[in-house]
Amino acid sequence: MTPDDPTTQPPRPGLLVLVSGTGTGVGKTWWTAALTRRLRAGGVAVAVRKPVQSGDPDAPTDADVLAAASGEEPDTVTPAHRSLPLPWAPPMAAAELGLPPFTVADLASEIVWPAGAEHDVGLVEAVGGPRSPLASDGDTVSLADALEPDVVVLVAEAGLGAVNAVRLSVDVLRTHTVVVALNRFGDEVLHDRNLAVLRADGLDVVTDPANLAARFVGQLRRR
C-alpha cells in the first residue's frame, strides 16, 4: 500500500461537520452537544472531537460537556496533551505554559475517528471565531481547509450584533458550505429581524438544533 492508498488513511465519518462560532462564548459547545444528543436519539452514531481546548482548570471543560453528550471519554474528545489549563487562545496558552508550539496539521492529524461505518456523523468543534488563533500557524479557517468538512455550522448570538458578526465570519469561510445557527433565538422582534436580514443575504440560517439534526439525518440517508 502507498501513502495515497485510501485504505491507509484514517476513516472519515459519513458526514463530517465542523462547528465554529462568530466569537468566544456564543454557544458552540451547547450547539455541538445538542446536535450530538439529537442525532443519537434518532439512532445515528456520533463521534465528537475538539482538537484543542483552553480554559479555567477548576471548571468543567468543553470536552467534558461533549463527552457527556456523545458517550465517549473526555480524553477521546480532546487529547489530554491538548487540554490547556489557561483561558487564552490555545497557541498563546501553550506558550505561556511553556509547552511546545503545535500546528494546524498537528491538530488535524490527531483527530482519530472510531473504526466502522456505523459512526455516521463526526462533529469537530473549533475555538473562538474563525480567525481566532487555533495553532501556531493558523485558525479555524485553516482547520476547515485541512479537514474539508461537508458543512461548517457557524454559531452566532441571535441578538444585537448578529448580522455584522455573521457576515464577517461567513466571508472568511466562503470556500466552505456554511449553515448559520442563531443561538438563544427567542420571541424577540430583534431576533426575527436579524433572521430575516441574514436570510435575505442568501444565507442558510437555523434556530433549532433539532431541525438541523433532522437535516443531517436526511443527508445521510440520501448518500
N, C-alpha and C. Protein backbone atom coordinates (compact mmCIF):
# COMPACT_ATOMS: atom_id res chain seq x y z
N MET A 1 0.84 -1.20 0.00
CA MET A 1 0.00 0.00 0.00
C MET A 1 0.87 1.25 0.00
N THR A 2 0.45 2.26 -0.73
CA THR A 2 1.17 3.52 -0.79
C THR A 2 0.50 4.53 0.12
N PRO A 3 1.21 5.65 0.44
CA PRO A 3 0.59 6.66 1.29
C PRO A 3 -0.69 7.23 0.71
N ASP A 4 -0.83 7.15 -0.65
CA ASP A 4 -2.04 7.69 -1.27
C ASP A 4 -3.16 6.67 -1.34
N ASP A 5 -2.89 5.44 -0.94
CA ASP A 5 -3.90 4.39 -0.96
C ASP A 5 -4.95 4.71 0.09
N PRO A 6 -6.24 4.85 -0.30
CA PRO A 6 -7.27 5.23 0.68
C PRO A 6 -7.39 4.24 1.82
N THR A 7 -6.94 2.99 1.65
CA THR A 7 -7.05 2.02 2.73
C THR A 7 -6.07 2.32 3.85
N THR A 8 -5.07 3.18 3.58
CA THR A 8 -4.11 3.53 4.62
C THR A 8 -4.53 4.78 5.38
N GLN A 9 -5.57 5.44 4.91
CA GLN A 9 -5.99 6.70 5.51
C GLN A 9 -6.97 6.45 6.67
N PRO A 10 -6.97 7.34 7.68
CA PRO A 10 -7.94 7.19 8.78
C PRO A 10 -9.36 7.24 8.24
N PRO A 11 -10.29 6.50 8.85
CA PRO A 11 -11.68 6.52 8.37
C PRO A 11 -12.28 7.90 8.55
N ARG A 12 -13.12 8.27 7.61
CA ARG A 12 -13.81 9.57 7.66
C ARG A 12 -15.28 9.29 7.89
N PRO A 13 -15.92 10.04 8.78
CA PRO A 13 -17.36 9.83 9.01
C PRO A 13 -18.16 10.04 7.74
N GLY A 14 -19.34 9.45 7.71
CA GLY A 14 -20.21 9.63 6.56
C GLY A 14 -20.58 11.08 6.35
N LEU A 15 -20.70 11.83 7.44
CA LEU A 15 -20.96 13.26 7.37
C LEU A 15 -20.03 13.94 8.37
N LEU A 16 -19.16 14.80 7.86
CA LEU A 16 -18.20 15.49 8.72
C LEU A 16 -18.63 16.95 8.87
N VAL A 17 -18.84 17.36 10.11
CA VAL A 17 -19.35 18.70 10.41
C VAL A 17 -18.35 19.43 11.30
N LEU A 18 -17.96 20.61 10.89
CA LEU A 18 -17.10 21.47 11.71
C LEU A 18 -17.96 22.56 12.33
N VAL A 19 -17.88 22.71 13.64
CA VAL A 19 -18.65 23.74 14.35
C VAL A 19 -17.73 24.88 14.74
N SER A 20 -18.00 26.04 14.21
CA SER A 20 -17.26 27.25 14.55
C SER A 20 -18.23 28.23 15.20
N GLY A 21 -17.75 29.42 15.46
CA GLY A 21 -18.61 30.45 16.04
C GLY A 21 -18.15 31.80 15.53
N THR A 22 -18.95 32.80 15.75
CA THR A 22 -18.53 34.15 15.38
C THR A 22 -17.56 34.73 16.39
N GLY A 23 -17.43 34.08 17.54
CA GLY A 23 -16.52 34.54 18.58
C GLY A 23 -16.57 33.59 19.76
N THR A 24 -15.98 34.01 20.86
CA THR A 24 -15.95 33.20 22.08
C THR A 24 -17.25 33.38 22.86
N GLY A 25 -17.75 32.30 23.42
CA GLY A 25 -18.92 32.38 24.29
C GLY A 25 -20.25 32.51 23.59
N VAL A 26 -20.30 32.18 22.30
CA VAL A 26 -21.56 32.33 21.57
C VAL A 26 -22.43 31.07 21.62
N GLY A 27 -21.87 29.95 22.11
CA GLY A 27 -22.68 28.75 22.25
C GLY A 27 -22.28 27.58 21.37
N LYS A 28 -21.01 27.55 20.93
CA LYS A 28 -20.55 26.44 20.08
C LYS A 28 -20.71 25.10 20.76
N THR A 29 -20.27 25.02 22.02
CA THR A 29 -20.32 23.75 22.73
C THR A 29 -21.76 23.33 23.00
N TRP A 30 -22.61 24.29 23.32
CA TRP A 30 -24.02 23.96 23.54
C TRP A 30 -24.63 23.38 22.28
N TRP A 31 -24.39 24.01 21.13
CA TRP A 31 -24.94 23.51 19.87
C TRP A 31 -24.34 22.16 19.49
N THR A 32 -23.05 22.00 19.68
CA THR A 32 -22.41 20.72 19.33
C THR A 32 -22.99 19.60 20.19
N ALA A 33 -23.14 19.85 21.49
CA ALA A 33 -23.70 18.84 22.38
C ALA A 33 -25.16 18.57 22.05
N ALA A 34 -25.91 19.63 21.75
CA ALA A 34 -27.33 19.45 21.42
C ALA A 34 -27.51 18.65 20.14
N LEU A 35 -26.70 18.95 19.12
CA LEU A 35 -26.76 18.17 17.88
C LEU A 35 -26.41 16.71 18.13
N THR A 36 -25.41 16.50 18.96
CA THR A 36 -24.99 15.13 19.28
C THR A 36 -26.11 14.35 19.94
N ARG A 37 -26.74 14.95 20.94
CA ARG A 37 -27.83 14.26 21.63
C ARG A 37 -29.00 13.99 20.70
N ARG A 38 -29.35 14.96 19.87
CA ARG A 38 -30.48 14.78 18.94
C ARG A 38 -30.20 13.68 17.94
N LEU A 39 -29.00 13.65 17.40
CA LEU A 39 -28.64 12.62 16.43
C LEU A 39 -28.64 11.24 17.07
N ARG A 40 -28.07 11.14 18.25
CA ARG A 40 -28.04 9.84 18.93
C ARG A 40 -29.45 9.37 19.27
N ALA A 41 -30.30 10.32 19.67
CA ALA A 41 -31.68 9.94 19.98
C ALA A 41 -32.40 9.42 18.75
N GLY A 42 -31.94 9.86 17.57
CA GLY A 42 -32.53 9.39 16.32
C GLY A 42 -31.87 8.14 15.78
N GLY A 43 -30.99 7.54 16.57
CA GLY A 43 -30.36 6.29 16.16
C GLY A 43 -29.11 6.44 15.33
N VAL A 44 -28.59 7.65 15.23
CA VAL A 44 -27.38 7.89 14.45
C VAL A 44 -26.16 7.84 15.38
N ALA A 45 -25.14 7.10 14.97
CA ALA A 45 -23.90 7.05 15.74
C ALA A 45 -23.12 8.34 15.51
N VAL A 46 -22.60 8.91 16.58
CA VAL A 46 -21.91 10.20 16.50
C VAL A 46 -20.60 10.12 17.29
N ALA A 47 -19.55 10.69 16.71
CA ALA A 47 -18.29 10.88 17.43
C ALA A 47 -17.98 12.37 17.41
N VAL A 48 -17.48 12.89 18.52
CA VAL A 48 -17.22 14.33 18.64
C VAL A 48 -15.75 14.54 18.97
N ARG A 49 -15.15 15.52 18.32
CA ARG A 49 -13.76 15.85 18.58
C ARG A 49 -13.60 17.36 18.74
N LYS A 50 -12.79 17.74 19.72
CA LYS A 50 -12.36 19.13 19.87
C LYS A 50 -10.84 19.07 19.91
N PRO A 51 -10.16 19.40 18.82
CA PRO A 51 -8.72 19.14 18.70
C PRO A 51 -7.86 19.78 19.78
N VAL A 52 -8.29 20.93 20.27
CA VAL A 52 -7.55 21.61 21.34
C VAL A 52 -8.54 22.45 22.12
N GLN A 53 -8.28 22.60 23.42
CA GLN A 53 -9.13 23.44 24.25
C GLN A 53 -8.28 24.13 25.29
N SER A 54 -8.76 25.28 25.75
CA SER A 54 -8.07 26.01 26.81
C SER A 54 -9.15 26.62 27.70
N GLY A 55 -8.87 26.68 28.99
CA GLY A 55 -9.87 27.22 29.89
C GLY A 55 -9.47 27.16 31.34
N ASP A 56 -10.38 27.56 32.20
CA ASP A 56 -10.19 27.56 33.64
C ASP A 56 -9.97 26.13 34.13
N PRO A 57 -8.83 25.86 34.79
CA PRO A 57 -8.55 24.49 35.23
C PRO A 57 -9.51 23.98 36.29
N ASP A 58 -10.25 24.89 36.94
CA ASP A 58 -11.17 24.48 38.00
C ASP A 58 -12.61 24.32 37.51
N ALA A 59 -12.83 24.52 36.22
CA ALA A 59 -14.19 24.42 35.66
C ALA A 59 -14.29 23.21 34.74
N PRO A 60 -15.50 22.67 34.55
CA PRO A 60 -15.66 21.59 33.57
C PRO A 60 -15.20 22.07 32.20
N THR A 61 -14.56 21.19 31.45
CA THR A 61 -14.07 21.56 30.14
C THR A 61 -15.13 21.32 29.07
N ASP A 62 -14.88 21.90 27.90
CA ASP A 62 -15.76 21.62 26.77
C ASP A 62 -15.76 20.13 26.46
N ALA A 63 -14.59 19.51 26.58
CA ALA A 63 -14.50 18.06 26.31
C ALA A 63 -15.38 17.28 27.28
N ASP A 64 -15.47 17.72 28.52
CA ASP A 64 -16.36 17.06 29.49
C ASP A 64 -17.81 17.13 29.02
N VAL A 65 -18.23 18.31 28.58
CA VAL A 65 -19.60 18.51 28.13
C VAL A 65 -19.89 17.67 26.88
N LEU A 66 -18.95 17.70 25.94
CA LEU A 66 -19.15 16.97 24.68
C LEU A 66 -19.12 15.47 24.90
N ALA A 67 -18.25 15.01 25.77
CA ALA A 67 -18.17 13.58 26.07
C ALA A 67 -19.46 13.08 26.72
N ALA A 68 -20.03 13.89 27.59
CA ALA A 68 -21.29 13.50 28.23
C ALA A 68 -22.40 13.35 27.19
N ALA A 69 -22.34 14.17 26.13
CA ALA A 69 -23.36 14.09 25.07
C ALA A 69 -23.12 12.90 24.14
N SER A 70 -21.86 12.58 23.86
CA SER A 70 -21.55 11.55 22.87
C SER A 70 -21.34 10.17 23.46
N GLY A 71 -21.16 10.09 24.79
CA GLY A 71 -20.89 8.81 25.42
C GLY A 71 -19.45 8.37 25.30
N GLU A 72 -18.57 9.29 24.91
CA GLU A 72 -17.14 9.00 24.81
C GLU A 72 -16.43 9.49 26.06
N GLU A 73 -15.11 9.26 26.10
CA GLU A 73 -14.31 9.77 27.20
C GLU A 73 -13.78 11.17 26.85
N PRO A 74 -13.65 12.06 27.83
CA PRO A 74 -13.14 13.40 27.53
C PRO A 74 -11.79 13.39 26.82
N ASP A 75 -10.90 12.46 27.19
CA ASP A 75 -9.59 12.41 26.54
C ASP A 75 -9.67 11.87 25.12
N THR A 76 -10.80 11.26 24.77
CA THR A 76 -11.03 10.86 23.38
C THR A 76 -11.50 12.06 22.58
N VAL A 77 -12.32 12.89 23.20
CA VAL A 77 -12.80 14.11 22.53
C VAL A 77 -11.64 15.08 22.31
N THR A 78 -10.88 15.33 23.35
CA THR A 78 -9.70 16.20 23.27
C THR A 78 -8.52 15.46 23.88
N PRO A 79 -7.45 15.21 23.13
CA PRO A 79 -6.29 14.55 23.72
C PRO A 79 -5.80 15.30 24.96
N ALA A 80 -5.39 14.56 25.97
CA ALA A 80 -5.00 15.18 27.24
C ALA A 80 -3.93 16.25 27.06
N HIS A 81 -2.99 16.03 26.15
CA HIS A 81 -1.91 17.00 25.97
C HIS A 81 -2.36 18.24 25.22
N ARG A 82 -3.62 18.23 24.70
CA ARG A 82 -4.16 19.41 24.03
C ARG A 82 -5.21 20.12 24.89
N SER A 83 -5.29 19.77 26.15
CA SER A 83 -6.19 20.44 27.08
C SER A 83 -5.36 21.38 27.94
N LEU A 84 -5.47 22.66 27.70
CA LEU A 84 -4.56 23.66 28.28
C LEU A 84 -5.27 24.43 29.40
N PRO A 85 -4.73 24.37 30.62
CA PRO A 85 -5.40 24.99 31.77
C PRO A 85 -5.15 26.49 31.90
N LEU A 86 -5.47 27.21 30.85
CA LEU A 86 -5.34 28.67 30.86
C LEU A 86 -6.32 29.22 29.83
N PRO A 87 -7.23 30.11 30.21
CA PRO A 87 -8.29 30.57 29.30
C PRO A 87 -7.83 31.63 28.30
N TRP A 88 -6.79 31.29 27.54
CA TRP A 88 -6.31 32.12 26.46
C TRP A 88 -6.46 31.35 25.16
N ALA A 89 -6.26 32.03 24.01
CA ALA A 89 -6.23 31.32 22.74
C ALA A 89 -5.17 30.22 22.83
N PRO A 90 -5.46 29.02 22.32
CA PRO A 90 -4.58 27.87 22.54
C PRO A 90 -3.09 28.09 22.28
N PRO A 91 -2.68 28.67 21.14
CA PRO A 91 -1.22 28.83 20.96
C PRO A 91 -0.61 29.80 21.97
N MET A 92 -1.39 30.78 22.39
CA MET A 92 -0.90 31.72 23.41
C MET A 92 -0.81 31.04 24.76
N ALA A 93 -1.82 30.22 25.08
CA ALA A 93 -1.81 29.48 26.34
C ALA A 93 -0.64 28.52 26.38
N ALA A 94 -0.39 27.82 25.27
CA ALA A 94 0.72 26.88 25.23
C ALA A 94 2.05 27.59 25.47
N ALA A 95 2.25 28.73 24.83
CA ALA A 95 3.49 29.49 25.02
C ALA A 95 3.64 29.94 26.45
N GLU A 96 2.56 30.44 27.05
CA GLU A 96 2.61 30.92 28.44
C GLU A 96 2.90 29.79 29.40
N LEU A 97 2.41 28.59 29.10
CA LEU A 97 2.62 27.42 29.96
C LEU A 97 3.94 26.71 29.69
N GLY A 98 4.71 27.22 28.74
CA GLY A 98 6.00 26.62 28.44
C GLY A 98 5.91 25.34 27.64
N LEU A 99 4.81 25.16 26.92
CA LEU A 99 4.62 23.96 26.11
C LEU A 99 5.07 24.21 24.68
N PRO A 100 5.46 23.16 23.97
CA PRO A 100 5.93 23.35 22.59
C PRO A 100 4.80 23.82 21.67
N PRO A 101 5.14 24.58 20.65
CA PRO A 101 4.11 25.02 19.70
C PRO A 101 3.57 23.85 18.90
N PHE A 102 2.39 24.02 18.36
CA PHE A 102 1.78 22.98 17.53
C PHE A 102 1.12 23.65 16.34
N THR A 103 0.96 22.90 15.26
CA THR A 103 0.42 23.42 14.01
C THR A 103 -1.00 22.91 13.77
N VAL A 104 -1.65 23.50 12.79
CA VAL A 104 -2.97 23.01 12.38
C VAL A 104 -2.85 21.58 11.89
N ALA A 105 -1.77 21.28 11.16
CA ALA A 105 -1.56 19.91 10.68
C ALA A 105 -1.43 18.94 11.85
N ASP A 106 -0.77 19.36 12.92
CA ASP A 106 -0.67 18.51 14.12
C ASP A 106 -2.06 18.20 14.66
N LEU A 107 -2.90 19.23 14.79
CA LEU A 107 -4.24 19.04 15.34
C LEU A 107 -5.08 18.15 14.43
N ALA A 108 -5.01 18.39 13.14
CA ALA A 108 -5.80 17.60 12.21
C ALA A 108 -5.38 16.14 12.23
N SER A 109 -4.07 15.89 12.35
CA SER A 109 -3.58 14.51 12.33
C SER A 109 -3.95 13.75 13.59
N GLU A 110 -4.25 14.46 14.66
CA GLU A 110 -4.59 13.81 15.93
C GLU A 110 -6.09 13.50 16.03
N ILE A 111 -6.86 13.93 15.06
CA ILE A 111 -8.29 13.59 15.05
C ILE A 111 -8.43 12.17 14.53
N VAL A 112 -8.79 11.27 15.42
CA VAL A 112 -8.94 9.85 15.06
C VAL A 112 -10.38 9.45 15.28
N TRP A 113 -10.99 8.93 14.22
CA TRP A 113 -12.40 8.54 14.29
C TRP A 113 -12.52 7.07 14.63
N PRO A 114 -13.59 6.67 15.25
CA PRO A 114 -13.81 5.25 15.57
C PRO A 114 -13.87 4.42 14.29
N ALA A 115 -13.38 3.22 14.36
CA ALA A 115 -13.45 2.32 13.21
C ALA A 115 -14.89 1.88 12.98
N GLY A 116 -15.22 1.66 11.74
CA GLY A 116 -16.55 1.13 11.44
C GLY A 116 -17.48 2.16 10.83
N ALA A 117 -18.22 1.74 9.84
CA ALA A 117 -19.12 2.64 9.12
C ALA A 117 -20.33 3.06 9.96
N GLU A 118 -20.53 2.43 11.12
CA GLU A 118 -21.70 2.77 11.92
C GLU A 118 -21.58 4.17 12.53
N HIS A 119 -20.38 4.72 12.56
CA HIS A 119 -20.22 6.08 13.07
C HIS A 119 -20.51 7.05 11.94
N ASP A 120 -21.77 7.41 11.82
CA ASP A 120 -22.24 8.13 10.64
C ASP A 120 -21.89 9.61 10.64
N VAL A 121 -21.81 10.23 11.81
CA VAL A 121 -21.56 11.66 11.87
C VAL A 121 -20.35 11.94 12.75
N GLY A 122 -19.48 12.78 12.26
CA GLY A 122 -18.35 13.27 13.05
C GLY A 122 -18.48 14.77 13.22
N LEU A 123 -18.47 15.22 14.46
CA LEU A 123 -18.55 16.65 14.76
C LEU A 123 -17.20 17.11 15.31
N VAL A 124 -16.67 18.18 14.75
CA VAL A 124 -15.41 18.76 15.22
C VAL A 124 -15.70 20.18 15.68
N GLU A 125 -15.44 20.45 16.96
CA GLU A 125 -15.66 21.80 17.46
C GLU A 125 -14.35 22.57 17.52
N ALA A 126 -14.35 23.76 16.98
CA ALA A 126 -13.18 24.62 16.99
C ALA A 126 -13.21 25.52 18.23
N VAL A 127 -12.39 26.57 18.22
CA VAL A 127 -12.35 27.51 19.34
C VAL A 127 -12.57 28.93 18.83
N GLY A 128 -13.19 29.77 19.66
CA GLY A 128 -13.35 31.18 19.31
C GLY A 128 -14.06 31.40 18.00
N GLY A 129 -13.64 32.44 17.28
CA GLY A 129 -14.18 32.75 15.97
C GLY A 129 -13.32 32.18 14.87
N PRO A 130 -13.73 32.33 13.61
CA PRO A 130 -12.98 31.74 12.51
C PRO A 130 -11.53 32.19 12.43
N ARG A 131 -11.25 33.41 12.85
CA ARG A 131 -9.89 33.93 12.79
C ARG A 131 -9.20 33.96 14.14
N SER A 132 -9.81 33.37 15.16
CA SER A 132 -9.14 33.28 16.46
C SER A 132 -7.95 32.32 16.34
N PRO A 133 -6.81 32.63 16.94
CA PRO A 133 -5.66 31.74 16.84
C PRO A 133 -5.98 30.35 17.38
N LEU A 134 -5.73 29.34 16.56
CA LEU A 134 -6.00 27.95 16.94
C LEU A 134 -4.70 27.19 17.15
N ALA A 135 -3.70 27.51 16.36
CA ALA A 135 -2.40 26.85 16.41
C ALA A 135 -1.34 27.89 16.05
N SER A 136 -0.08 27.48 16.06
CA SER A 136 0.98 28.44 15.79
C SER A 136 0.95 28.99 14.38
N ASP A 137 0.29 28.27 13.47
CA ASP A 137 0.30 28.68 12.07
C ASP A 137 -1.09 28.85 11.46
N GLY A 138 -2.12 28.91 12.29
CA GLY A 138 -3.43 29.03 11.68
C GLY A 138 -4.58 29.14 12.64
N ASP A 139 -5.78 29.12 12.08
CA ASP A 139 -7.01 29.34 12.81
C ASP A 139 -8.06 28.34 12.35
N THR A 140 -9.33 28.61 12.67
CA THR A 140 -10.38 27.68 12.29
C THR A 140 -10.56 27.61 10.78
N VAL A 141 -10.33 28.71 10.08
CA VAL A 141 -10.39 28.66 8.62
C VAL A 141 -9.33 27.68 8.09
N SER A 142 -8.15 27.73 8.68
CA SER A 142 -7.09 26.80 8.28
C SER A 142 -7.49 25.36 8.58
N LEU A 143 -8.13 25.14 9.73
CA LEU A 143 -8.57 23.79 10.08
C LEU A 143 -9.64 23.31 9.11
N ALA A 144 -10.56 24.20 8.74
CA ALA A 144 -11.59 23.82 7.77
C ALA A 144 -10.95 23.45 6.43
N ASP A 145 -9.95 24.20 6.02
CA ASP A 145 -9.27 23.88 4.76
C ASP A 145 -8.58 22.52 4.84
N ALA A 146 -8.04 22.20 6.02
CA ALA A 146 -7.34 20.92 6.19
C ALA A 146 -8.31 19.74 6.24
N LEU A 147 -9.45 19.91 6.92
CA LEU A 147 -10.38 18.80 7.11
C LEU A 147 -11.37 18.64 5.96
N GLU A 148 -11.64 19.72 5.24
CA GLU A 148 -12.64 19.71 4.17
C GLU A 148 -13.97 19.10 4.65
N PRO A 149 -14.58 19.70 5.66
CA PRO A 149 -15.86 19.16 6.17
C PRO A 149 -16.96 19.28 5.14
N ASP A 150 -17.99 18.47 5.31
CA ASP A 150 -19.15 18.57 4.43
C ASP A 150 -19.92 19.85 4.67
N VAL A 151 -19.89 20.31 5.90
CA VAL A 151 -20.58 21.55 6.25
C VAL A 151 -19.90 22.17 7.47
N VAL A 152 -19.91 23.50 7.51
CA VAL A 152 -19.47 24.25 8.69
C VAL A 152 -20.71 24.86 9.33
N VAL A 153 -20.93 24.56 10.58
CA VAL A 153 -22.01 25.19 11.34
C VAL A 153 -21.40 26.39 12.06
N LEU A 154 -21.89 27.57 11.73
CA LEU A 154 -21.39 28.81 12.32
C LEU A 154 -22.39 29.29 13.37
N VAL A 155 -22.01 29.20 14.63
CA VAL A 155 -22.91 29.59 15.73
C VAL A 155 -22.73 31.08 16.03
N ALA A 156 -23.85 31.77 16.17
CA ALA A 156 -23.83 33.21 16.46
C ALA A 156 -24.94 33.53 17.45
N GLU A 157 -24.72 34.58 18.22
CA GLU A 157 -25.79 35.08 19.08
C GLU A 157 -26.92 35.61 18.21
N ALA A 158 -28.16 35.42 18.66
CA ALA A 158 -29.31 35.85 17.86
C ALA A 158 -29.57 37.34 17.95
N GLY A 159 -29.02 38.01 18.99
CA GLY A 159 -29.38 39.39 19.26
C GLY A 159 -28.49 40.43 18.62
N LEU A 160 -28.31 41.53 19.30
CA LEU A 160 -27.59 42.69 18.78
C LEU A 160 -26.19 42.30 18.32
N GLY A 161 -25.83 42.72 17.12
CA GLY A 161 -24.51 42.43 16.57
C GLY A 161 -24.45 41.19 15.71
N ALA A 162 -25.53 40.44 15.63
CA ALA A 162 -25.53 39.17 14.91
C ALA A 162 -25.21 39.35 13.43
N VAL A 163 -25.83 40.33 12.80
CA VAL A 163 -25.67 40.48 11.36
C VAL A 163 -24.22 40.76 10.99
N ASN A 164 -23.61 41.72 11.66
CA ASN A 164 -22.21 42.04 11.37
C ASN A 164 -21.30 40.85 11.63
N ALA A 165 -21.47 40.20 12.78
CA ALA A 165 -20.61 39.08 13.14
C ALA A 165 -20.75 37.92 12.15
N VAL A 166 -21.98 37.64 11.74
CA VAL A 166 -22.19 36.53 10.80
C VAL A 166 -21.62 36.88 9.43
N ARG A 167 -21.88 38.07 8.94
CA ARG A 167 -21.37 38.44 7.62
C ARG A 167 -19.84 38.36 7.56
N LEU A 168 -19.18 38.87 8.58
CA LEU A 168 -17.71 38.83 8.59
C LEU A 168 -17.20 37.39 8.64
N SER A 169 -17.84 36.57 9.44
CA SER A 169 -17.40 35.18 9.60
C SER A 169 -17.65 34.37 8.34
N VAL A 170 -18.83 34.55 7.75
CA VAL A 170 -19.16 33.81 6.53
C VAL A 170 -18.20 34.20 5.41
N ASP A 171 -17.79 35.45 5.37
CA ASP A 171 -16.89 35.91 4.32
C ASP A 171 -15.56 35.15 4.34
N VAL A 172 -15.01 34.91 5.53
CA VAL A 172 -13.72 34.23 5.58
C VAL A 172 -13.87 32.72 5.41
N LEU A 173 -15.11 32.22 5.52
CA LEU A 173 -15.38 30.79 5.32
C LEU A 173 -16.05 30.54 3.96
N ARG A 174 -15.91 31.48 3.05
CA ARG A 174 -16.69 31.46 1.81
C ARG A 174 -16.40 30.26 0.91
N THR A 175 -15.26 29.61 1.07
CA THR A 175 -14.98 28.43 0.23
C THR A 175 -15.64 27.17 0.78
N HIS A 176 -16.35 27.28 1.89
CA HIS A 176 -16.99 26.13 2.52
C HIS A 176 -18.51 26.31 2.55
N THR A 177 -19.22 25.20 2.65
CA THR A 177 -20.67 25.24 2.82
C THR A 177 -20.97 25.58 4.28
N VAL A 178 -21.67 26.67 4.51
CA VAL A 178 -21.91 27.17 5.86
C VAL A 178 -23.40 27.18 6.18
N VAL A 179 -23.74 26.68 7.35
CA VAL A 179 -25.08 26.84 7.92
C VAL A 179 -24.94 27.71 9.16
N VAL A 180 -25.67 28.79 9.23
CA VAL A 180 -25.63 29.69 10.38
C VAL A 180 -26.63 29.21 11.42
N ALA A 181 -26.17 29.06 12.66
CA ALA A 181 -27.04 28.65 13.76
C ALA A 181 -27.17 29.82 14.74
N LEU A 182 -28.36 30.41 14.82
CA LEU A 182 -28.58 31.51 15.75
C LEU A 182 -28.90 30.95 17.13
N ASN A 183 -28.02 31.23 18.07
CA ASN A 183 -28.16 30.68 19.42
C ASN A 183 -29.03 31.58 20.29
N ARG A 184 -29.75 30.94 21.21
CA ARG A 184 -30.64 31.65 22.13
C ARG A 184 -31.70 32.45 21.37
N PHE A 185 -32.14 31.89 20.26
CA PHE A 185 -33.18 32.55 19.47
C PHE A 185 -34.50 32.45 20.23
N GLY A 186 -35.15 33.59 20.41
CA GLY A 186 -36.38 33.60 21.20
C GLY A 186 -37.44 34.49 20.60
N ASP A 187 -38.46 34.73 21.38
CA ASP A 187 -39.60 35.52 20.94
C ASP A 187 -39.29 37.00 21.11
N GLU A 188 -38.34 37.48 20.30
CA GLU A 188 -37.94 38.88 20.35
C GLU A 188 -37.94 39.45 18.95
N VAL A 189 -38.41 40.66 18.81
CA VAL A 189 -38.50 41.29 17.49
C VAL A 189 -37.12 41.37 16.84
N LEU A 190 -36.10 41.75 17.61
CA LEU A 190 -34.75 41.88 17.04
C LEU A 190 -34.25 40.55 16.49
N HIS A 191 -34.53 39.46 17.18
CA HIS A 191 -34.11 38.15 16.69
C HIS A 191 -34.75 37.87 15.33
N ASP A 192 -36.03 38.15 15.22
CA ASP A 192 -36.74 37.92 13.96
C ASP A 192 -36.18 38.81 12.84
N ARG A 193 -35.86 40.05 13.17
CA ARG A 193 -35.32 40.96 12.16
C ARG A 193 -33.95 40.49 11.70
N ASN A 194 -33.12 40.07 12.65
CA ASN A 194 -31.79 39.57 12.28
C ASN A 194 -31.91 38.34 11.38
N LEU A 195 -32.80 37.45 11.74
CA LEU A 195 -33.02 36.25 10.93
C LEU A 195 -33.43 36.63 9.51
N ALA A 196 -34.36 37.59 9.38
CA ALA A 196 -34.84 38.00 8.07
C ALA A 196 -33.72 38.62 7.23
N VAL A 197 -32.89 39.44 7.86
CA VAL A 197 -31.79 40.09 7.14
C VAL A 197 -30.78 39.05 6.65
N LEU A 198 -30.44 38.11 7.50
CA LEU A 198 -29.45 37.10 7.12
C LEU A 198 -29.98 36.19 6.03
N ARG A 199 -31.23 35.84 6.09
CA ARG A 199 -31.82 35.02 5.02
C ARG A 199 -31.93 35.82 3.73
N ALA A 200 -32.19 37.11 3.83
CA ALA A 200 -32.21 37.95 2.64
C ALA A 200 -30.83 38.03 1.99
N ASP A 201 -29.79 37.84 2.79
CA ASP A 201 -28.42 37.76 2.26
C ASP A 201 -28.19 36.47 1.48
N GLY A 202 -29.16 35.55 1.55
CA GLY A 202 -29.00 34.27 0.88
C GLY A 202 -28.35 33.21 1.74
N LEU A 203 -28.25 33.49 3.05
CA LEU A 203 -27.61 32.54 3.96
C LEU A 203 -28.60 31.48 4.43
N ASP A 204 -28.05 30.31 4.70
CA ASP A 204 -28.82 29.19 5.25
C ASP A 204 -28.77 29.34 6.77
N VAL A 205 -29.89 29.69 7.39
CA VAL A 205 -29.93 30.00 8.82
C VAL A 205 -30.92 29.11 9.54
N VAL A 206 -30.49 28.55 10.67
CA VAL A 206 -31.36 27.72 11.51
C VAL A 206 -31.37 28.29 12.92
N THR A 207 -32.41 27.95 13.67
CA THR A 207 -32.52 28.45 15.03
C THR A 207 -32.74 27.33 16.05
N ASP A 208 -32.86 26.09 15.58
CA ASP A 208 -33.18 24.97 16.47
C ASP A 208 -32.29 23.77 16.11
N PRO A 209 -31.50 23.27 17.06
CA PRO A 209 -30.63 22.12 16.76
C PRO A 209 -31.40 20.88 16.33
N ALA A 210 -32.64 20.73 16.78
CA ALA A 210 -33.43 19.57 16.39
C ALA A 210 -33.67 19.56 14.89
N ASN A 211 -33.96 20.72 14.32
CA ASN A 211 -34.18 20.82 12.89
C ASN A 211 -32.91 20.54 12.10
N LEU A 212 -31.79 21.04 12.59
CA LEU A 212 -30.53 20.80 11.89
C LEU A 212 -30.13 19.34 11.98
N ALA A 213 -30.34 18.72 13.13
CA ALA A 213 -30.04 17.29 13.27
C ALA A 213 -30.89 16.48 12.29
N ALA A 214 -32.16 16.83 12.15
CA ALA A 214 -33.03 16.11 11.21
C ALA A 214 -32.53 16.28 9.78
N ARG A 215 -32.03 17.43 9.46
CA ARG A 215 -31.47 17.66 8.13
C ARG A 215 -30.25 16.77 7.89
N PHE A 216 -29.40 16.66 8.90
CA PHE A 216 -28.22 15.82 8.76
C PHE A 216 -28.61 14.36 8.55
N VAL A 217 -29.62 13.92 9.26
CA VAL A 217 -30.10 12.54 9.07
C VAL A 217 -30.56 12.36 7.63
N GLY A 218 -31.26 13.35 7.11
CA GLY A 218 -31.72 13.27 5.73
C GLY A 218 -30.57 13.20 4.74
N GLN A 219 -29.52 13.98 5.00
CA GLN A 219 -28.35 13.95 4.12
C GLN A 219 -27.71 12.57 4.12
N LEU A 220 -27.61 11.98 5.30
CA LEU A 220 -27.02 10.63 5.39
C LEU A 220 -27.82 9.61 4.60
N ARG A 221 -29.13 9.70 4.69
CA ARG A 221 -30.00 8.72 4.02
C ARG A 221 -29.94 8.88 2.50
N ARG A 222 -29.62 10.08 2.04
CA ARG A 222 -29.56 10.29 0.59
C ARG A 222 -28.23 9.84 0.00
N ARG A 223 -27.28 9.47 0.84
CA ARG A 223 -25.96 9.07 0.34
C ARG A 223 -25.93 7.62 -0.06
